[in-house]
């Protein structure tokens, strides 16, 4: 399986960028490397339910990679694009995703090691790749994320891309906040965003 960026020692949210860990800002003439995502689908999609203290998440994968994480309350689409529902044990990627998501929300895992294939535009995929570089326990602003992909003026576009992130939690768009520290929009709700950040900062533990 593809290994994602190693995450560093957690830093309290009040100390977003310690002196030795400040993000490297790239210029528009020096764009980041290609996103570390699986490029092509393989086989038919399948989905399974992951039961957590925060509700029942749905994870979707094909034979090559995880393609989506859906928050509790999201119903399968009528077009069947999630594919057949299966038990995690019947699909290696779904099994790994279910285990790792459960461990992450329990506070016993800090990084995911899963092959990912988020569907999106080239710009969106670069924005999502930048999210993978934000260490566990730290946050970045939307402006810092835009600078990291060499598009410092694309702050609103980066925010829109985060809102369309198809693999939340695993691709951690919850680690991006407003310039004043505000917990701005999150597809799973700002309460969930706050709880995820508190979990990572060590200020709280999600209930078992």
Foldseek 3Di string as FASTA:
>chain_A
DAFFDDFDDADAAVCFAPPVRHDDFAALVGFDDQFQADDDFDAAKEKEWAQELQGIWIWIHGLAFTAAIHHPPDDDDPVCRSPYYDDQVVHVQSVLVSVQVRCLQQLNDFAHGTHYDYDDDRVLSSLLSLLSVRHQNHAEELQRSCRNRNRNVCSVVSVVSQQVGRYDPNSPPLRYAHPVRHRDDDPNDSVVSVVSNCSRNVNDHRDD
